[in-house]
Amino acid sequence: MSTNNSNHLVNPQARDAMDRFKMEAASEVGVNLKEGYNGELTSRQAGSIGGQMVKKMIEAYENGMK
């Protein structure tokens, strides 16, 4: 399955897991996310969430290599 939108996850389970992961990362950096659209976030807040997600993915990868 493919899609034209590169940000669209086709598998509903993958989408749910990514949403949980995003909420967890937001909580860890002190950003209050709500379900659905969060267009009121500042660039700094959105970047903090994305950065935390990347940090956690790198840590998981490094732990998997041990």
N, C-alpha and C. Protein backbone atom coordinates (compact mmCIF):
# COMPACT_ATOMS: atom_id res chain seq x y z
N MET A 1 0.84 -1.18 0.00
CA MET A 1 0.00 0.00 0.00
C MET A 1 0.88 1.24 0.00
N SER A 2 0.49 2.21 -0.76
CA SER A 2 1.23 3.47 -0.76
C SER A 2 0.25 4.62 -0.78
N THR A 3 0.81 5.78 -0.60
CA THR A 3 -0.01 6.98 -0.55
C THR A 3 0.78 8.14 -1.12
N ASN A 4 0.11 9.19 -1.53
CA ASN A 4 0.78 10.36 -2.06
C ASN A 4 1.34 11.25 -0.97
N ASN A 5 0.80 11.19 0.22
CA ASN A 5 1.23 12.03 1.33
C ASN A 5 2.27 11.26 2.14
N SER A 6 3.51 11.75 2.16
CA SER A 6 4.58 11.02 2.85
C SER A 6 4.41 11.02 4.36
N ASN A 7 3.56 11.90 4.90
CA ASN A 7 3.33 11.94 6.35
C ASN A 7 2.18 11.04 6.77
N HIS A 8 1.55 10.38 5.85
CA HIS A 8 0.39 9.54 6.16
C HIS A 8 0.84 8.10 6.39
N LEU A 9 0.55 7.57 7.58
CA LEU A 9 0.87 6.17 7.87
C LEU A 9 -0.32 5.32 7.46
N VAL A 10 -0.09 4.33 6.63
CA VAL A 10 -1.16 3.51 6.09
C VAL A 10 -1.68 2.51 7.12
N ASN A 11 -0.78 1.93 7.89
CA ASN A 11 -1.15 0.93 8.87
C ASN A 11 -1.73 1.60 10.12
N PRO A 12 -2.99 1.32 10.45
CA PRO A 12 -3.60 1.96 11.63
C PRO A 12 -2.85 1.68 12.94
N GLN A 13 -2.27 0.49 13.07
CA GLN A 13 -1.52 0.17 14.28
C GLN A 13 -0.25 1.01 14.37
N ALA A 14 0.39 1.24 13.23
CA ALA A 14 1.59 2.08 13.21
C ALA A 14 1.22 3.51 13.56
N ARG A 15 0.09 3.98 13.06
CA ARG A 15 -0.37 5.34 13.36
C ARG A 15 -0.64 5.49 14.85
N ASP A 16 -1.32 4.51 15.44
CA ASP A 16 -1.61 4.56 16.88
C ASP A 16 -0.33 4.55 17.71
N ALA A 17 0.62 3.71 17.32
CA ALA A 17 1.89 3.63 18.04
C ALA A 17 2.65 4.95 17.94
N MET A 18 2.64 5.55 16.76
CA MET A 18 3.34 6.83 16.57
C MET A 18 2.66 7.94 17.37
N ASP A 19 1.34 7.93 17.44
CA ASP A 19 0.62 8.92 18.24
C ASP A 19 0.96 8.77 19.73
N ARG A 20 1.02 7.53 20.23
CA ARG A 20 1.39 7.31 21.62
C ARG A 20 2.83 7.77 21.89
N PHE A 21 3.71 7.46 20.95
CA PHE A 21 5.12 7.85 21.05
C PHE A 21 5.24 9.37 21.09
N LYS A 22 4.49 10.06 20.24
CA LYS A 22 4.52 11.52 20.19
C LYS A 22 4.00 12.12 21.48
N MET A 23 2.91 11.56 22.01
CA MET A 23 2.34 12.07 23.26
C MET A 23 3.33 11.87 24.41
N GLU A 24 3.99 10.73 24.44
CA GLU A 24 4.98 10.45 25.48
C GLU A 24 6.15 11.43 25.40
N ALA A 25 6.65 11.67 24.20
CA ALA A 25 7.76 12.60 24.01
C ALA A 25 7.33 14.02 24.41
N ALA A 26 6.12 14.41 24.05
CA ALA A 26 5.63 15.74 24.41
C ALA A 26 5.55 15.90 25.92
N SER A 27 5.07 14.88 26.59
CA SER A 27 4.97 14.92 28.04
C SER A 27 6.34 15.06 28.68
N GLU A 28 7.33 14.37 28.13
CA GLU A 28 8.68 14.40 28.69
C GLU A 28 9.33 15.77 28.56
N VAL A 29 8.96 16.54 27.53
CA VAL A 29 9.55 17.87 27.36
C VAL A 29 8.62 18.97 27.85
N GLY A 30 7.50 18.58 28.46
CA GLY A 30 6.60 19.55 29.09
C GLY A 30 5.67 20.28 28.14
N VAL A 31 5.38 19.68 26.97
CA VAL A 31 4.46 20.28 26.03
C VAL A 31 3.13 19.55 26.14
N ASN A 32 2.07 20.31 26.28
CA ASN A 32 0.75 19.73 26.46
C ASN A 32 0.08 19.53 25.10
N LEU A 33 0.11 18.30 24.57
CA LEU A 33 -0.55 17.98 23.30
C LEU A 33 -1.96 17.51 23.56
N LYS A 34 -2.82 17.75 22.60
CA LYS A 34 -4.18 17.22 22.67
C LYS A 34 -4.38 16.30 21.47
N GLU A 35 -5.38 15.46 21.53
CA GLU A 35 -5.70 14.58 20.40
C GLU A 35 -6.10 15.43 19.21
N GLY A 36 -5.67 15.06 18.03
CA GLY A 36 -6.04 15.79 16.83
C GLY A 36 -5.07 16.90 16.49
N TYR A 37 -5.60 17.95 15.94
CA TYR A 37 -4.80 19.07 15.43
C TYR A 37 -4.21 19.90 16.58
N ASN A 38 -2.92 20.21 16.46
CA ASN A 38 -2.23 21.01 17.47
C ASN A 38 -1.54 22.20 16.82
N GLY A 39 -2.26 22.90 15.95
CA GLY A 39 -1.69 24.00 15.18
C GLY A 39 -1.27 25.20 16.00
N GLU A 40 -1.67 25.27 17.25
CA GLU A 40 -1.30 26.41 18.08
C GLU A 40 0.09 26.25 18.71
N LEU A 41 0.74 25.12 18.49
CA LEU A 41 2.08 24.93 19.04
C LEU A 41 3.07 25.88 18.39
N THR A 42 4.01 26.35 19.17
CA THR A 42 5.08 27.17 18.61
C THR A 42 6.08 26.25 17.90
N SER A 43 6.90 26.84 17.06
CA SER A 43 7.95 26.06 16.39
C SER A 43 8.89 25.44 17.41
N ARG A 44 9.16 26.17 18.48
CA ARG A 44 10.05 25.66 19.53
C ARG A 44 9.44 24.42 20.18
N GLN A 45 8.13 24.47 20.48
CA GLN A 45 7.47 23.32 21.11
C GLN A 45 7.47 22.11 20.18
N ALA A 46 7.10 22.33 18.93
CA ALA A 46 7.07 21.23 17.96
C ALA A 46 8.47 20.64 17.77
N GLY A 47 9.47 21.51 17.71
CA GLY A 47 10.85 21.04 17.57
C GLY A 47 11.31 20.26 18.78
N SER A 48 10.88 20.68 19.96
CA SER A 48 11.24 19.95 21.19
C SER A 48 10.67 18.54 21.17
N ILE A 49 9.44 18.42 20.71
CA ILE A 49 8.80 17.10 20.63
C ILE A 49 9.55 16.23 19.62
N GLY A 50 9.79 16.76 18.43
CA GLY A 50 10.50 16.00 17.40
C GLY A 50 11.90 15.61 17.85
N GLY A 51 12.59 16.53 18.49
CA GLY A 51 13.94 16.24 18.99
C GLY A 51 13.94 15.14 20.03
N GLN A 52 12.95 15.17 20.91
CA GLN A 52 12.84 14.14 21.94
C GLN A 52 12.55 12.78 21.30
N MET A 53 11.72 12.78 20.26
CA MET A 53 11.41 11.52 19.57
C MET A 53 12.67 10.94 18.93
N VAL A 54 13.45 11.79 18.28
CA VAL A 54 14.69 11.34 17.65
C VAL A 54 15.67 10.82 18.71
N LYS A 55 15.79 11.54 19.80
CA LYS A 55 16.68 11.12 20.89
C LYS A 55 16.30 9.72 21.39
N LYS A 56 14.99 9.50 21.59
CA LYS A 56 14.53 8.21 22.08
C LYS A 56 14.75 7.10 21.04
N MET A 57 14.59 7.41 19.75
CA MET A 57 14.83 6.41 18.70
C MET A 57 16.31 6.04 18.65
N ILE A 58 17.19 7.02 18.79
CA ILE A 58 18.62 6.74 18.78
C ILE A 58 19.00 5.88 19.99
N GLU A 59 18.46 6.22 21.16
CA GLU A 59 18.73 5.43 22.37
C GLU A 59 18.25 3.99 22.19
N ALA A 60 17.06 3.82 21.61
CA ALA A 60 16.53 2.47 21.39
C ALA A 60 17.42 1.69 20.42
N TYR A 61 17.89 2.34 19.38
CA TYR A 61 18.77 1.70 18.42
C TYR A 61 20.08 1.29 19.08
N GLU A 62 20.66 2.22 19.85
CA GLU A 62 21.93 1.92 20.52
C GLU A 62 21.76 0.78 21.52
N ASN A 63 20.65 0.75 22.24
CA ASN A 63 20.40 -0.35 23.20
C ASN A 63 20.20 -1.67 22.49
N GLY A 64 19.64 -1.62 21.30
CA GLY A 64 19.44 -2.84 20.51
C GLY A 64 20.73 -3.42 19.97
N MET A 65 21.73 -2.57 19.84
CA MET A 65 23.02 -3.02 19.31
C MET A 65 23.88 -3.69 20.36
N LYS A 66 23.53 -3.53 21.62
CA LYS A 66 24.35 -4.08 22.71
C LYS A 66 24.13 -5.55 22.86
